Amino acid sequence: MTLTPLEKELLACVEELEKSVSACMQRQLEQEQALSDLRSELNASLSTLHGALEAGPKPPEKIKPEGRKRSGFIFKRP
């Protein structure tokens, strides 16, 4: 069976379209995998953050303010 020039052109267009669709689907699969990886990383980070928040902040160390140092002498002002 011989193809007419128009049929050959149409067949070439269909083949090009098939290649384009295949490449597009491959990119979509790669993007979905990348999105899945990012989602996993985000969940792990959120889990770590949630654990840290559940543990609560460490209470700050209480520092006693230094009072006046007494010298042992009592000074009275007139």
PDB file of N, CA and C in Angstrom:
ATOM      1  N   MET A   1       0.848  -1.172   0.000  1.00  0.00           N
ATOM      2  CA  MET A   1       0.000   0.000   0.000  1.00  0.00           C
ATOM      3  C   MET A   1       0.893   1.234   0.000  1.00  0.00           C
ATOM      4  N   THR A   2       0.681   2.048  -0.952  1.00  0.00           N
ATOM      5  CA  THR A   2       1.452   3.282  -1.048  1.00  0.00           C
ATOM      6  C   THR A   2       0.654   4.418  -0.445  1.00  0.00           C
ATOM      7  N   LEU A   3       1.409   5.326   0.151  1.00  0.00           N
ATOM      8  CA  LEU A   3       0.765   6.475   0.782  1.00  0.00           C
ATOM      9  C   LEU A   3       0.888   7.683  -0.128  1.00  0.00           C
ATOM     10  N   THR A   4      -0.134   8.466  -0.115  1.00  0.00           N
ATOM     11  CA  THR A   4      -0.091   9.708  -0.882  1.00  0.00           C
ATOM     12  C   THR A   4       0.786  10.694  -0.125  1.00  0.00           C
ATOM     13  N   PRO A   5       1.260  11.732  -0.777  1.00  0.00           N
ATOM     14  CA  PRO A   5       2.070  12.735  -0.097  1.00  0.00           C
ATOM     15  C   PRO A   5       1.349  13.340   1.111  1.00  0.00           C
ATOM     16  N   LEU A   6       0.050  13.546   0.982  1.00  0.00           N
ATOM     17  CA  LEU A   6      -0.708  14.098   2.101  1.00  0.00           C
ATOM     18  C   LEU A   6      -0.736  13.118   3.268  1.00  0.00           C
ATOM     19  N   GLU A   7      -0.923  11.853   3.000  1.00  0.00           N
ATOM     20  CA  GLU A   7      -0.936  10.838   4.051  1.00  0.00           C
ATOM     21  C   GLU A   7       0.435  10.724   4.729  1.00  0.00           C
ATOM     22  N   LYS A   8       1.498  10.814   3.921  1.00  0.00           N
ATOM     23  CA  LYS A   8       2.849  10.779   4.480  1.00  0.00           C
ATOM     24  C   LYS A   8       3.076  11.970   5.406  1.00  0.00           C
ATOM     25  N   GLU A   9       2.605  13.129   5.002  1.00  0.00           N
ATOM     26  CA  GLU A   9       2.752  14.331   5.829  1.00  0.00           C
ATOM     27  C   GLU A   9       1.955  14.191   7.123  1.00  0.00           C
ATOM     28  N   LEU A  10       0.738  13.676   7.022  1.00  0.00           N
ATOM     29  CA  LEU A  10      -0.072  13.457   8.204  1.00  0.00           C
ATOM     30  C   LEU A  10       0.581  12.440   9.144  1.00  0.00           C
ATOM     31  N   LEU A  11       1.145  11.379   8.607  1.00  0.00           N
ATOM     32  CA  LEU A  11       1.814  10.363   9.404  1.00  0.00           C
ATOM     33  C   LEU A  11       3.030  10.965  10.126  1.00  0.00           C
ATOM     34  N   ALA A  12       3.767  11.804   9.417  1.00  0.00           N
ATOM     35  CA  ALA A  12       4.922  12.467  10.035  1.00  0.00           C
ATOM     36  C   ALA A  12       4.464  13.376  11.169  1.00  0.00           C
ATOM     37  N   CYS A  13       3.366  14.086  10.961  1.00  0.00           N
ATOM     38  CA  CYS A  13       2.828  14.959  12.017  1.00  0.00           C
ATOM     39  C   CYS A  13       2.402  14.136  13.232  1.00  0.00           C
ATOM     40  N   VAL A  14       1.771  13.019  13.007  1.00  0.00           N
ATOM     41  CA  VAL A  14       1.324  12.165  14.104  1.00  0.00           C
ATOM     42  C   VAL A  14       2.532  11.627  14.873  1.00  0.00           C
ATOM     43  N   GLU A  15       3.576  11.239  14.174  1.00  0.00           N
ATOM     44  CA  GLU A  15       4.785  10.736  14.829  1.00  0.00           C
ATOM     45  C   GLU A  15       5.438  11.838  15.674  1.00  0.00           C
ATOM     46  N   GLU A  16       5.496  13.044  15.151  1.00  0.00           N
ATOM     47  CA  GLU A  16       6.055  14.168  15.912  1.00  0.00           C
ATOM     48  C   GLU A  16       5.206  14.458  17.151  1.00  0.00           C
ATOM     49  N   LEU A  17       3.895  14.403  16.964  1.00  0.00           N
ATOM     50  CA  LEU A  17       2.988  14.633  18.082  1.00  0.00           C
ATOM     51  C   LEU A  17       3.181  13.559  19.150  1.00  0.00           C
ATOM     52  N   GLU A  18       3.368  12.316  18.731  1.00  0.00           N
ATOM     53  CA  GLU A  18       3.597  11.220  19.677  1.00  0.00           C
ATOM     54  C   GLU A  18       4.883  11.460  20.479  1.00  0.00           C
ATOM     55  N   LYS A  19       5.928  11.906  19.805  1.00  0.00           N
ATOM     56  CA  LYS A  19       7.190  12.196  20.495  1.00  0.00           C
ATOM     57  C   LYS A  19       7.000  13.326  21.505  1.00  0.00           C
ATOM     58  N   SER A  20       6.274  14.366  21.109  1.00  0.00           N
ATOM     59  CA  SER A  20       6.034  15.505  21.999  1.00  0.00           C
ATOM     60  C   SER A  20       5.219  15.087  23.219  1.00  0.00           C
ATOM     61  N   VAL A  21       4.199  14.279  22.992  1.00  0.00           N
ATOM     62  CA  VAL A  21       3.356  13.819  24.091  1.00  0.00           C
ATOM     63  C   VAL A  21       4.175  12.929  25.030  1.00  0.00           C
ATOM     64  N   SER A  22       4.992  12.062  24.491  1.00  0.00           N
ATOM     65  CA  SER A  22       5.834  11.188  25.322  1.00  0.00           C
ATOM     66  C   SER A  22       6.797  12.013  26.162  1.00  0.00           C
ATOM     67  N   ALA A  23       7.426  13.010  25.552  1.00  0.00           N
ATOM     68  CA  ALA A  23       8.359  13.863  26.297  1.00  0.00           C
ATOM     69  C   ALA A  23       7.628  14.632  27.389  1.00  0.00           C
ATOM     70  N   CYS A  24       6.439  15.112  27.088  1.00  0.00           N
ATOM     71  CA  CYS A  24       5.640  15.854  28.067  1.00  0.00           C
ATOM     72  C   CYS A  24       5.250  14.939  29.235  1.00  0.00           C
ATOM     73  N   MET A  25       4.854  13.724  28.940  1.00  0.00           N
ATOM     74  CA  MET A  25       4.471  12.789  29.990  1.00  0.00           C
ATOM     75  C   MET A  25       5.685  12.424  30.849  1.00  0.00           C
ATOM     76  N   GLN A  26       6.861  12.291  30.229  1.00  0.00           N
ATOM     77  CA  GLN A  26       8.075  11.990  30.984  1.00  0.00           C
ATOM     78  C   GLN A  26       8.412  13.137  31.929  1.00  0.00           C
ATOM     79  N   ARG A  27       8.304  14.380  31.442  1.00  0.00           N
ATOM     80  CA  ARG A  27       8.553  15.546  32.306  1.00  0.00           C
ATOM     81  C   ARG A  27       7.551  15.587  33.452  1.00  0.00           C
ATOM     82  N   GLN A  28       6.303  15.267  33.161  1.00  0.00           N
ATOM     83  CA  GLN A  28       5.289  15.265  34.208  1.00  0.00           C
ATOM     84  C   GLN A  28       5.613  14.227  35.277  1.00  0.00           C
ATOM     85  N   LEU A  29       6.038  13.037  34.878  1.00  0.00           N
ATOM     86  CA  LEU A  29       6.411  12.003  35.843  1.00  0.00           C
ATOM     87  C   LEU A  29       7.591  12.458  36.704  1.00  0.00           C
ATOM     88  N   GLU A  30       8.576  13.103  36.070  1.00  0.00           N
ATOM     89  CA  GLU A  30       9.735  13.597  36.820  1.00  0.00           C
ATOM     90  C   GLU A  30       9.322  14.677  37.816  1.00  0.00           C
ATOM     91  N   GLN A  31       8.420  15.556  37.391  1.00  0.00           N
ATOM     92  CA  GLN A  31       7.952  16.621  38.286  1.00  0.00           C
ATOM     93  C   GLN A  31       7.135  16.039  39.439  1.00  0.00           C
ATOM     94  N   GLU A  32       6.327  15.034  39.169  1.00  0.00           N
ATOM     95  CA  GLU A  32       5.549  14.401  40.233  1.00  0.00           C
ATOM     96  C   GLU A  32       6.469  13.719  41.245  1.00  0.00           C
ATOM     97  N   GLN A  33       7.551  13.102  40.750  1.00  0.00           N
ATOM     98  CA  GLN A  33       8.511  12.464  41.657  1.00  0.00           C
ATOM     99  C   GLN A  33       9.223  13.509  42.506  1.00  0.00           C
ATOM    100  N   ALA A  34       9.616  14.617  41.870  1.00  0.00           N
ATOM    101  CA  ALA A  34      10.276  15.696  42.613  1.00  0.00           C
ATOM    102  C   ALA A  34       9.325  16.272  43.667  1.00  0.00           C
ATOM    103  N   LEU A  35       8.063  16.438  43.305  1.00  0.00           N
ATOM    104  CA  LEU A  35       7.067  16.945  44.251  1.00  0.00           C
ATOM    105  C   LEU A  35       6.878  15.966  45.411  1.00  0.00           C
ATOM    106  N   SER A  36       6.857  14.689  45.118  1.00  0.00           N
ATOM    107  CA  SER A  36       6.726  13.677  46.154  1.00  0.00           C
ATOM    108  C   SER A  36       7.924  13.723  47.111  1.00  0.00           C
ATOM    109  N   ASP A  37       9.121  13.893  46.560  1.00  0.00           N
ATOM    110  CA  ASP A  37      10.324  13.995  47.393  1.00  0.00           C
ATOM    111  C   ASP A  37      10.259  15.230  48.285  1.00  0.00           C
ATOM    112  N   LEU A  38       9.847  16.352  47.714  1.00  0.00           N
ATOM    113  CA  LEU A  38       9.724  17.586  48.498  1.00  0.00           C
ATOM    114  C   LEU A  38       8.685  17.438  49.599  1.00  0.00           C
ATOM    115  N   ARG A  39       7.593  16.770  49.280  1.00  0.00           N
ATOM    116  CA  ARG A  39       6.537  16.547  50.268  1.00  0.00           C
ATOM    117  C   ARG A  39       7.071  15.700  51.430  1.00  0.00           C
ATOM    118  N   SER A  40       7.858  14.681  51.103  1.00  0.00           N
ATOM    119  CA  SER A  40       8.444  13.834  52.148  1.00  0.00           C
ATOM    120  C   SER A  40       9.392  14.639  53.030  1.00  0.00           C
ATOM    121  N   GLU A  41      10.231  15.470  52.404  1.00  0.00           N
ATOM    122  CA  GLU A  41      11.160  16.300  53.171  1.00  0.00           C
ATOM    123  C   GLU A  41      10.398  17.274  54.069  1.00  0.00           C
ATOM    124  N   LEU A  42       9.336  17.866  53.534  1.00  0.00           N
ATOM    125  CA  LEU A  42       8.532  18.800  54.314  1.00  0.00           C
ATOM    126  C   LEU A  42       7.896  18.097  55.506  1.00  0.00           C
ATOM    127  N   ASN A  43       7.344  16.912  55.288  1.00  0.00           N
ATOM    128  CA  ASN A  43       6.740  16.158  56.388  1.00  0.00           C
ATOM    129  C   ASN A  43       7.767  15.816  57.459  1.00  0.00           C
ATOM    130  N   ALA A  44       8.974  15.450  57.039  1.00  0.00           N
ATOM    131  CA  ALA A  44      10.021  15.137  58.013  1.00  0.00           C
ATOM    132  C   ALA A  44      10.397  16.384  58.816  1.00  0.00           C
ATOM    133  N   SER A  45      10.515  17.516  58.131  1.00  0.00           N
ATOM    134  CA  SER A  45      10.856  18.763  58.825  1.00  0.00           C
ATOM    135  C   SER A  45       9.748  19.168  59.790  1.00  0.00           C
ATOM    136  N   LEU A  46       8.510  19.051  59.353  1.00  0.00           N
ATOM    137  CA  LEU A  46       7.394  19.401  60.214  1.00  0.00           C
ATOM    138  C   LEU A  46       7.313  18.467  61.420  1.00  0.00           C
ATOM    139  N   SER A  47       7.612  17.206  61.199  1.00  0.00           N
ATOM    140  CA  SER A  47       7.598  16.245  62.302  1.00  0.00           C
ATOM    141  C   SER A  47       8.666  16.612  63.330  1.00  0.00           C
ATOM    142  N   THR A  48       9.846  16.967  62.857  1.00  0.00           N
ATOM    143  CA  THR A  48      10.927  17.377  63.754  1.00  0.00           C
ATOM    144  C   THR A  48      10.541  18.638  64.517  1.00  0.00           C
ATOM    145  N   LEU A  49       9.970  19.594  63.807  1.00  0.00           N
ATOM    146  CA  LEU A  49       9.544  20.836  64.434  1.00  0.00           C
ATOM    147  C   LEU A  49       8.453  20.571  65.462  1.00  0.00           C
ATOM    148  N   HIS A  50       7.506  19.722  65.112  1.00  0.00           N
ATOM    149  CA  HIS A  50       6.420  19.396  66.039  1.00  0.00           C
ATOM    150  C   HIS A  50       6.976  18.740  67.306  1.00  0.00           C
ATOM    151  N   GLY A  51       7.926  17.828  67.132  1.00  0.00           N
ATOM    152  CA  GLY A  51       8.545  17.182  68.282  1.00  0.00           C
ATOM    153  C   GLY A  51       9.248  18.186  69.180  1.00  0.00           C
ATOM    154  N   ALA A  52       9.932  19.145  68.563  1.00  0.00           N
ATOM    155  CA  ALA A  52      10.632  20.166  69.346  1.00  0.00           C
ATOM    156  C   ALA A  52       9.635  21.050  70.093  1.00  0.00           C
ATOM    157  N   LEU A  53       8.536  21.368  69.442  1.00  0.00           N
ATOM    158  CA  LEU A  53       7.528  22.199  70.104  1.00  0.00           C
ATOM    159  C   LEU A  53       6.828  21.438  71.233  1.00  0.00           C
ATOM    160  N   GLU A  54       6.601  20.154  71.018  1.00  0.00           N
ATOM    161  CA  GLU A  54       5.966  19.341  72.054  1.00  0.00           C
ATOM    162  C   GLU A  54       6.876  19.236  73.285  1.00  0.00           C
ATOM    163  N   ALA A  55       8.173  19.150  73.047  1.00  0.00           N
ATOM    164  CA  ALA A  55       9.122  19.045  74.153  1.00  0.00           C
ATOM    165  C   ALA A  55       9.137  20.351  74.950  1.00  0.00           C
ATOM    166  N   GLY A  56       8.769  21.431  74.308  1.00  0.00           N
ATOM    167  CA  GLY A  56       8.699  22.727  74.977  1.00  0.00           C
ATOM    168  C   GLY A  56      10.062  23.382  75.066  1.00  0.00           C
ATOM    169  N   PRO A  57      10.038  24.673  75.235  1.00  0.00           N
ATOM    170  CA  PRO A  57      11.314  25.379  75.348  1.00  0.00           C
ATOM    171  C   PRO A  57      11.957  25.096  76.691  1.00  0.00           C
ATOM    172  N   LYS A  58      13.247  25.115  76.707  1.00  0.00           N
ATOM    173  CA  LYS A  58      13.955  24.932  77.960  1.00  0.00           C
ATOM    174  C   LYS A  58      13.767  26.186  78.796  1.00  0.00           C
ATOM    175  N   PRO A  59      13.490  26.012  80.074  1.00  0.00           N
ATOM    176  CA  PRO A  59      13.302  27.209  80.892  1.00  0.00           C
ATOM    177  C   PRO A  59      14.622  27.975  80.989  1.00  0.00           C
ATOM    178  N   PRO A  60      14.528  29.281  80.900  1.00  0.00           N
ATOM    179  CA  PRO A  60      15.759  30.063  80.980  1.00  0.00           C
ATOM    180  C   PRO A  60      16.370  29.945  82.369  1.00  0.00           C
ATOM    181  N   GLU A  61      17.678  29.981  82.402  1.00  0.00           N
ATOM    182  CA  GLU A  61      18.360  29.909  83.685  1.00  0.00           C
ATOM    183  C   GLU A  61      18.106  31.204  84.443  1.00  0.00           C
ATOM    184  N   LYS A  62      17.741  31.046  85.690  1.00  0.00           N
ATOM    185  CA  LYS A  62      17.466  32.232  86.490  1.00  0.00           C
ATOM    186  C   LYS A  62      18.778  32.777  87.027  1.00  0.00           C
ATOM    187  N   ILE A  63      19.009  34.021  86.701  1.00  0.00           N
ATOM    188  CA  ILE A  63      20.221  34.681  87.158  1.00  0.00           C
ATOM    189  C   ILE A  63      19.821  35.664  88.240  1.00  0.00           C
ATOM    190  N   LYS A  64      20.428  35.506  89.400  1.00  0.00           N
ATOM    191  CA  LYS A  64      20.113  36.411  90.501  1.00  0.00           C
ATOM    192  C   LYS A  64      20.810  37.744  90.252  1.00  0.00           C
ATOM    193  N   PRO A  65      20.050  38.817  90.349  1.00  0.00           N
ATOM    194  CA  PRO A  65      20.689  40.120  90.159  1.00  0.00           C
ATOM    195  C   PRO A  65      21.638  40.402  91.322  1.00  0.00           C
ATOM    196  N   GLU A  66      22.725  40.979  90.963  1.00  0.00           N
ATOM    197  CA  GLU A  66      23.703  41.299  92.009  1.00  0.00           C
ATOM    198  C   GLU A  66      23.218  42.505  92.800  1.00  0.00           C
ATOM    199  N   GLY A  67      23.195  42.346  94.096  1.00  0.00           N
ATOM    200  CA  GLY A  67      22.812  43.463  94.961  1.00  0.00           C
ATOM    201  C   GLY A  67      24.050  44.301  95.294  1.00  0.00           C
ATOM    202  N   ARG A  68      23.810  45.316  96.103  1.00  0.00           N
ATOM    203  CA  ARG A  68      24.956  46.117  96.526  1.00  0.00           C
ATOM    204  C   ARG A  68      25.835  45.283  97.420  1.00  0.00           C
ATOM    205  N   LYS A  69      27.081  45.372  97.204  1.00  0.00           N
ATOM    206  CA  LYS A  69      28.009  44.650  98.067  1.00  0.00           C
ATOM    207  C   LYS A  69      28.191  45.431  99.352  1.00  0.00           C
ATOM    208  N   ARG A  70      28.051  44.772 100.416  1.00  0.00           N
ATOM    209  CA  ARG A  70      28.203  45.433 101.711  1.00  0.00           C
ATOM    210  C   ARG A  70      29.666  45.395 102.132  1.00  0.00           C
ATOM    211  N   SER A  71      30.085  46.509 102.626  1.00  0.00           N
ATOM    212  CA  SER A  71      31.493  46.597 103.010  1.00  0.00           C
ATOM    213  C   SER A  71      31.715  46.315 104.496  1.00  0.00           C
ATOM    214  N   GLY A  72      30.659  46.269 105.259  1.00  0.00           N
ATOM    215  CA  GLY A  72      30.798  46.033 106.686  1.00  0.00           C
ATOM    216  C   GLY A  72      30.743  47.324 107.493  1.00  0.00           C
ATOM    217  N   PHE A  73      30.841  48.460 106.829  1.00  0.00           N
ATOM    218  CA  PHE A  73      30.751  49.756 107.515  1.00  0.00           C
ATOM    219  C   PHE A  73      29.401  50.367 107.263  1.00  0.00           C
ATOM    220  N   ILE A  74      28.847  51.008 108.228  1.00  0.00           N
ATOM    221  CA  ILE A  74      27.579  51.698 108.056  1.00  0.00           C
ATOM    222  C   ILE A  74      27.892  53.189 108.024  1.00  0.00           C
ATOM    223  N   PHE A  75      27.545  53.784 106.905  1.00  0.00           N
ATOM    224  CA  PHE A  75      27.773  55.223 106.773  1.00  0.00           C
ATOM    225  C   PHE A  75      26.436  55.915 106.972  1.00  0.00           C
ATOM    226  N   LYS A  76      26.430  56.922 107.817  1.00  0.00           N
ATOM    227  CA  LYS A  76      25.228  57.705 108.026  1.00  0.00           C
ATOM    228  C   LYS A  76      25.478  59.099 107.491  1.00  0.00           C
ATOM    229  N   ARG A  77      24.532  59.569 106.809  1.00  0.00           N
ATOM    230  CA  ARG A  77      24.651  60.931 106.295  1.00  0.00           C
ATOM    231  C   ARG A  77      24.025  61.889 107.289  1.00  0.00           C
ATOM    232  N   PRO A  78      24.644  63.026 107.470  1.00  0.00           N
ATOM    233  CA  PRO A  78      24.116  64.001 108.427  1.00  0.00           C
ATOM    234  C   PRO A  78      22.858  64.659 107.977  1.00  0.00           C
TER     235      PRO A  78
END
